[in-house]
């Protein structure tokens, strides 16, 4: 994070986020309580109340974000885009906390987010990280489904001055400010790369609570908890598409965001080794809840 970026404190962030989500209808008042308008949980009668689950989820939002540096200026970001093998029009540039990120979002199988020293990209339904993305991926014709906007609102509270830039029709290298709401999918994709949070899946209680939180970000939670339980994982990090096993072993998993009929898939061992170093997350010792599971 640059020294000029001033992070909002957690208490102020939560107050402003609640006001923002109430204003757009993602949260609502019910019986004197603030609850989610999205399906927070189902079959919860054997667990704590929905109100308690909501509070647990809401308290986790601020700490789920861990930012990495973007380019220092718009010009630096454009210079990177200009030397890439893709058409400049493929990119949008997101300015967040006075840093700039080059973002490609053709569909869920062709995505890139490029920062100053770190990048993310999709490959074979994986979400990988390296200093720079591979340039061998090809955009496939595919329906692009609308994104769930929650991460967009979460980022906008961190930085109300967030901006998105796109190419003008008149010039092939001149990026101008576009409508952030219309370009929401690019902002959400950037936000996903910042999200580093693990959801436990070892007990019926933890599975129910984790599924509730994931229903806020994925359609019906994408059955991610059932997948984690099936492969004997102790926790799952769906934004980074990672699963954690006993003794702290972490692996990538495959996931098709747009197709719930295709379940998440654990990689064969040889593939696990191949992609072992293509991950950018905090050390396990910084995940206190995860340490208790392993």
Protein backbone atom coordinates (compact mmCIF):
# COMPACT_ATOMS: atom_id res chain seq x y z
CA UNK A 1 0.00 0.00 0.00
CA UNK A 2 1.37 3.40 -0.88
CA UNK A 3 2.15 5.85 1.90
CA UNK A 4 -0.34 8.34 0.47
CA UNK A 5 -3.25 5.89 0.71
CA UNK A 6 -5.21 6.38 3.91
CA UNK A 7 -7.20 3.35 4.99
CA UNK A 8 -10.54 3.89 6.65
CA UNK A 9 -10.78 2.45 10.18
CA UNK A 10 -12.84 -0.71 10.65
CA UNK A 11 -15.57 0.87 12.78
CA UNK A 12 -16.14 3.70 10.31
CA UNK A 13 -15.98 1.25 7.42
CA UNK A 14 -18.70 -0.97 8.88
CA UNK A 15 -20.95 1.99 9.59
CA UNK A 16 -20.62 3.32 6.05
CA UNK A 17 -20.94 -0.14 4.48
CA UNK A 18 -24.17 -0.82 6.36
CA UNK A 19 -25.60 2.53 5.20
CA UNK A 20 -24.53 1.79 1.61
CA UNK A 21 -25.99 -1.73 1.54
CA UNK A 22 -29.25 -0.53 3.10
CA UNK A 23 -29.53 2.21 0.46
CA UNK A 24 -29.21 -0.27 -2.43
CA UNK A 25 -31.43 -2.93 -0.85
CA UNK A 26 -28.82 -5.61 -0.19
CA UNK A 27 -29.56 -5.18 3.52
CA UNK A 28 -32.96 -4.43 5.01
CA UNK A 29 -34.64 -3.96 8.36
CA UNK A 30 -36.78 -6.77 9.72
CA UNK A 31 -38.32 -6.89 13.17
CA UNK A 32 -35.97 -4.14 14.36
CA UNK A 33 -32.85 -5.91 13.07
CA UNK A 34 -30.63 -5.47 10.03
CA UNK A 35 -30.58 -8.63 7.91
CA UNK A 36 -29.62 -9.54 4.38
CA UNK A 37 -32.05 -9.42 1.48
CA UNK A 38 -30.05 -12.15 -0.20
CA UNK A 39 -30.59 -15.74 0.89
CA UNK A 40 -28.28 -15.80 3.88
CA UNK A 41 -28.91 -19.37 4.94
CA UNK A 42 -31.31 -22.28 4.62
CA UNK A 43 -32.21 -25.06 7.05
CA UNK A 44 -30.78 -23.01 9.91
CA UNK A 45 -33.17 -24.14 12.63
CA UNK A 46 -30.51 -26.22 14.37
CA UNK A 47 -28.00 -23.42 14.46
CA UNK A 48 -27.92 -19.84 15.69
CA UNK A 49 -30.38 -17.29 14.39
CA UNK A 50 -29.98 -15.60 11.00
CA UNK A 51 -29.34 -12.36 12.85
CA UNK A 52 -26.27 -13.83 14.53
CA UNK A 53 -25.00 -15.29 11.25
CA UNK A 54 -25.44 -11.92 9.59
CA UNK A 55 -23.40 -10.23 12.32
CA UNK A 56 -20.59 -12.80 11.96
CA UNK A 57 -20.47 -12.26 8.21
CA UNK A 58 -20.63 -8.46 8.45
CA UNK A 59 -17.83 -8.38 11.03
CA UNK A 60 -15.59 -10.39 8.68
CA UNK A 61 -15.83 -8.11 5.62
CA UNK A 62 -13.21 -5.50 6.56
CA UNK A 63 -10.58 -8.04 7.56
CA UNK A 64 -11.18 -10.16 4.45
CA UNK A 65 -9.45 -7.57 2.26
CA UNK A 66 -5.68 -7.54 1.78
CA UNK A 67 -4.51 -5.12 -0.87
CA UNK A 68 -1.44 -5.31 -3.10
CA UNK A 69 0.11 -2.45 -5.04
CA UNK A 70 -1.12 -1.35 -8.43
CA UNK A 71 0.82 0.76 -10.91
CA UNK A 72 1.82 4.15 -9.53
CA UNK A 73 0.24 6.13 -12.36
CA UNK A 74 -2.24 5.84 -15.20
CA UNK A 75 0.64 6.29 -17.65
CA UNK A 76 2.55 3.32 -16.21
CA UNK A 77 -0.55 1.15 -16.46
CA UNK A 78 -1.18 2.21 -20.08
CA UNK A 79 2.47 1.47 -20.90
CA UNK A 80 2.02 -2.10 -19.67
CA UNK A 81 -1.19 -2.51 -21.68
CA UNK A 82 0.45 -1.14 -24.81
CA UNK A 83 3.17 -3.80 -24.77
CA UNK A 84 0.86 -6.74 -24.04
CA UNK A 85 -0.18 -9.08 -26.90
CA UNK A 86 -3.88 -8.32 -26.41
CA UNK A 87 -5.82 -5.55 -28.09
CA UNK A 88 -5.79 -2.44 -25.90
CA UNK A 89 -9.59 -2.35 -26.03
CA UNK A 90 -9.63 -5.66 -24.10
CA UNK A 91 -8.50 -3.79 -20.97
CA UNK A 92 -10.14 -1.50 -18.49
CA UNK A 93 -8.09 0.35 -15.88
CA UNK A 94 -9.36 0.57 -12.30
CA UNK A 95 -8.00 3.30 -10.04
CA UNK A 96 -8.28 2.23 -6.42
CA UNK A 97 -6.64 3.99 -3.45
CA UNK A 98 -4.62 6.08 -5.91
CA UNK A 99 -3.17 3.01 -7.62
CA UNK A 100 -3.96 1.63 -11.07
CA UNK A 101 -4.77 -1.94 -12.13
CA UNK A 102 -5.12 -3.32 -15.66
CA UNK A 103 -8.17 -5.60 -15.83
CA UNK A 104 -9.38 -8.02 -18.52
CA UNK A 105 -12.84 -9.55 -18.19
CA UNK A 106 -13.89 -11.24 -21.41
CA UNK A 107 -15.76 -13.92 -19.45
CA UNK A 108 -15.12 -16.07 -16.39
CA UNK A 109 -12.66 -18.24 -18.33
CA UNK A 110 -10.58 -15.31 -19.61
CA UNK A 111 -9.72 -12.85 -16.87
CA UNK A 112 -6.65 -10.92 -15.79
CA UNK A 113 -5.86 -8.39 -13.09
CA UNK A 114 -2.39 -6.87 -13.32
CA UNK A 115 -0.81 -4.79 -10.56
CA UNK A 116 2.66 -3.38 -10.13
CA UNK A 117 4.34 -6.62 -9.05
CA UNK A 118 1.47 -9.12 -8.79
CA UNK A 119 -1.07 -10.39 -11.28
CA UNK A 120 -3.99 -12.82 -11.31
CA UNK A 121 -5.38 -14.73 -14.26
CA UNK A 122 -7.72 -17.62 -15.03
CA UNK A 123 -6.53 -20.81 -16.66
CA UNK A 124 -8.34 -24.16 -16.91
CA UNK A 125 -10.94 -22.92 -14.37
CA UNK A 126 -8.15 -22.08 -11.91
CA UNK A 127 -7.38 -18.64 -10.49
CA UNK A 128 -3.60 -18.28 -10.53
CA UNK A 129 -1.14 -15.62 -9.45
CA UNK A 130 2.35 -14.71 -10.68
CA UNK A 131 4.40 -11.54 -11.22
CA UNK A 132 2.94 -11.28 -14.73
CA UNK A 133 0.12 -13.27 -16.37
CA UNK A 134 0.65 -15.78 -19.11
CA UNK A 135 -0.23 -14.38 -22.52
CA UNK A 136 -1.10 -17.70 -24.14
CA UNK A 137 -4.75 -17.79 -23.05
CA UNK A 138 -7.39 -17.35 -25.75
CA UNK A 139 -10.79 -15.78 -25.18
CA UNK A 140 -13.49 -18.36 -25.89
CA UNK A 141 -16.98 -17.45 -27.00
CA UNK A 142 -19.10 -17.77 -23.91
CA UNK A 143 -22.09 -16.14 -22.25
CA UNK A 144 -20.98 -13.66 -19.60
CA UNK A 145 -23.38 -13.68 -16.66
CA UNK A 146 -24.04 -10.58 -14.53
CA UNK A 147 -21.90 -10.34 -11.39
CA UNK A 148 -23.29 -10.16 -7.86
CA UNK A 149 -22.56 -6.51 -6.90
CA UNK A 150 -21.68 -6.91 -3.22
CA UNK A 151 -17.90 -6.66 -3.69
CA UNK A 152 -18.42 -3.52 -5.79
CA UNK A 153 -20.09 -1.82 -2.81
CA UNK A 154 -17.48 -3.12 -0.37
CA UNK A 155 -14.66 -1.58 -2.43
CA UNK A 156 -16.54 1.69 -2.93
CA UNK A 157 -16.64 2.17 0.85
CA UNK A 158 -12.88 1.65 1.06
CA UNK A 159 -12.44 4.24 -1.70
CA UNK A 160 -15.40 6.43 -2.74
CA UNK A 161 -13.09 7.96 -5.38
CA UNK A 162 -12.67 4.63 -7.18
CA UNK A 163 -12.65 5.17 -10.95
CA UNK A 164 -12.65 3.01 -14.09
CA UNK A 165 -11.02 4.05 -17.37
CA UNK A 166 -11.67 2.69 -20.86
CA UNK A 167 -10.43 3.45 -24.35
CA UNK A 168 -11.92 6.24 -26.38
CA UNK A 169 -13.20 5.37 -29.83
CA UNK A 170 -10.97 8.03 -31.35
CA UNK A 171 -7.60 6.78 -30.05
CA UNK A 172 -6.13 3.32 -29.52
CA UNK A 173 -4.13 4.28 -26.42
CA UNK A 174 -6.13 7.04 -24.72
CA UNK A 175 -8.04 5.85 -21.67
CA UNK A 176 -10.81 8.09 -20.32
CA UNK A 177 -13.07 7.75 -17.30
CA UNK A 178 -16.11 5.51 -17.81
CA UNK A 179 -19.22 4.81 -15.74
CA UNK A 180 -18.14 2.73 -12.74
CA UNK A 181 -21.57 1.17 -12.30
CA UNK A 182 -21.73 0.09 -15.95
CA UNK A 183 -18.22 -1.36 -15.64
CA UNK A 184 -18.95 -3.04 -12.31
CA UNK A 185 -17.72 -6.48 -13.36
CA UNK A 186 -14.15 -5.16 -13.69
CA UNK A 187 -14.30 -3.67 -10.20
CA UNK A 188 -15.70 -6.90 -8.74
CA UNK A 189 -12.93 -8.92 -10.38
CA UNK A 190 -10.31 -6.61 -8.86
CA UNK A 191 -12.00 -6.98 -5.48
CA UNK A 192 -11.91 -10.77 -5.73
CA UNK A 193 -8.12 -10.65 -6.04
CA UNK A 194 -7.99 -8.66 -2.79
CA UNK A 195 -10.21 -11.14 -0.90
CA UNK A 196 -8.22 -13.56 1.25
CA UNK A 197 -10.50 -15.31 3.72
CA UNK A 198 -10.98 -18.96 4.68
CA UNK A 199 -14.31 -20.61 5.45
CA UNK A 200 -14.16 -23.72 7.67
CA UNK A 201 -15.96 -26.88 6.55
CA UNK A 202 -15.23 -29.41 9.28
CA UNK A 203 -18.51 -29.53 11.24
CA UNK A 204 -22.22 -29.11 10.42
CA UNK A 205 -22.16 -25.84 12.38
CA UNK A 206 -19.20 -24.38 10.48
CA UNK A 207 -20.56 -25.60 7.14
CA UNK A 208 -23.91 -23.89 7.76
CA UNK A 209 -22.29 -20.60 8.77
CA UNK A 210 -19.80 -20.69 5.92
CA UNK A 211 -22.52 -21.48 3.40
CA UNK A 212 -24.50 -18.52 4.69
CA UNK A 213 -21.63 -16.12 4.06
CA UNK A 214 -20.90 -17.54 0.61
CA UNK A 215 -24.53 -17.14 -0.41
CA UNK A 216 -23.83 -13.40 -0.26
CA UNK A 217 -21.20 -13.68 -3.00
CA UNK A 218 -22.09 -16.72 -5.11
CA UNK A 219 -25.41 -17.97 -6.44
CA UNK A 220 -26.55 -20.57 -3.88
CA UNK A 221 -23.00 -20.67 -2.55
CA UNK A 222 -22.03 -22.87 -5.51
CA UNK A 223 -22.17 -25.88 -3.13
CA UNK A 224 -18.64 -24.98 -2.08
CA UNK A 225 -19.10 -26.32 1.43
CA UNK A 226 -20.23 -29.70 0.16
CA UNK A 227 -17.19 -29.79 -2.11
CA UNK A 228 -14.88 -28.96 0.81
CA UNK A 229 -16.44 -31.66 2.96
CA UNK A 230 -16.28 -34.20 0.12
CA UNK A 231 -12.52 -33.74 -0.42
CA UNK A 232 -11.85 -33.74 3.36
CA UNK A 233 -10.59 -30.14 3.43
CA UNK A 234 -10.58 -28.20 6.67
CA UNK A 235 -11.33 -24.85 4.98
CA UNK A 236 -11.93 -23.28 1.59
CA UNK A 237 -10.92 -19.91 0.15
CA UNK A 238 -13.35 -19.56 -2.79
CA UNK A 239 -12.19 -16.14 -3.99
CA UNK A 240 -8.64 -17.42 -4.52
CA UNK A 241 -9.99 -20.91 -5.45
CA UNK A 242 -7.89 -22.63 -2.80
CA UNK A 243 -8.56 -25.46 -0.36
CA UNK A 244 -6.64 -26.18 2.84
CA UNK A 245 -6.08 -29.64 4.28
CA UNK A 246 -4.76 -30.92 7.59
CA UNK A 247 -1.21 -29.83 8.44
CA UNK A 248 -1.69 -26.67 6.35
CA UNK A 249 -1.37 -28.12 2.86
CA UNK A 250 -2.95 -25.74 0.33
CA UNK A 251 -4.08 -26.64 -3.18
CA UNK A 252 -5.83 -24.90 -6.05
CA UNK A 253 -9.21 -26.20 -7.17
CA UNK A 254 -11.13 -25.79 -10.41
CA UNK A 255 -14.42 -23.90 -10.44
CA UNK A 256 -16.75 -22.74 -13.21
CA UNK A 257 -18.36 -19.60 -11.82
CA UNK A 258 -21.06 -19.50 -14.52
CA UNK A 259 -22.10 -23.16 -14.36
CA UNK A 260 -23.44 -24.58 -11.10
CA UNK A 261 -24.09 -27.91 -12.85
CA UNK A 262 -20.33 -28.37 -13.11
CA UNK A 263 -19.16 -28.95 -9.52
CA UNK A 264 -15.79 -27.71 -8.22
CA UNK A 265 -13.00 -30.20 -8.83
CA UNK A 266 -9.83 -31.08 -6.97
CA UNK A 267 -6.71 -31.32 -9.12
CA UNK A 268 -4.74 -34.54 -9.68
CA UNK A 269 -1.51 -34.66 -7.67
CA UNK A 270 0.73 -33.94 -10.66
CA UNK A 271 -1.29 -30.81 -11.44
CA UNK A 272 -1.15 -29.74 -7.80
CA UNK A 273 2.66 -29.73 -7.99
CA UNK A 274 2.61 -27.88 -11.29
CA UNK A 275 0.62 -24.94 -9.91
CA UNK A 276 2.04 -25.02 -6.38
CA UNK A 277 3.89 -21.70 -6.62
CA UNK A 278 1.13 -19.81 -8.47
CA UNK A 279 -0.57 -18.44 -5.38
CA UNK A 280 -0.49 -15.08 -3.64
CA UNK A 281 -1.97 -15.22 -0.13
CA UNK A 282 -0.98 -14.26 3.38
CA UNK A 283 1.12 -16.73 5.42
CA UNK A 284 -0.98 -19.28 7.30
CA UNK A 285 0.24 -17.88 10.64
CA UNK A 286 -1.80 -14.73 9.91
CA UNK A 287 -5.02 -16.76 9.65
CA UNK A 288 -5.79 -17.38 13.32
CA UNK A 289 -9.05 -19.25 12.66
CA UNK A 290 -7.33 -21.51 10.14
CA UNK A 291 -4.50 -22.35 12.54
CA UNK A 292 -7.04 -23.71 15.01
CA UNK A 293 -8.24 -26.18 12.35
CA UNK A 294 -4.86 -27.50 11.28
